[in-house]
């Protein structure tokens, strides 16, 4: 994206939330589209520790910068946030802040940020304030279930994924290349 286009373009804040599958997948699709248009994309993944998801490999192969801050599986699925969850959330927020205040990126995707906000690992009001202070041309996408109301109120676009049917309920576990 040229500097003259950046000056004319106003970035929006997008939120992908809801209990249905596809929030990260939609964000990855947007990252691919934006990279194809010459945008500089940064994809920061919160919460998803443990085995890396394959979308990061694809994004990196396209020259998209990625950052996965969590190294261990989240404690949120086992009763409560861990020290690794807290550290990973703060590391991700610092990287997001640096990216959103710079002129280095055109699209910044914060995958599973909504979960970090929902569980209080990060301050929603601080994130909303950061979105308001960001470099104006930068598009921001926050994904994850349970997006806080304060973030929804500040968003320009909200997409809610609805869970109608999922193979997990029929005993089919997550499949490599499809769910991760």
Foldseek 3Di string as FASTA:
>chain_A
DDPVVLVVAFAFEEEEAADAPDQVVVVLVVLVVCVVVVFAEEEEEAQPADDDAPSVVVCVVSVHHYHYQAHHHACVVVPDGDPSNLRSLVVSVVVVLVVQADPRGQEYEYEANQVCCQRVSDPPVVVLVSNVNGSGRHYYYYYYYNRDPVSVVSGPYYHYHYPPDDCVVVVDDDDHPPRD
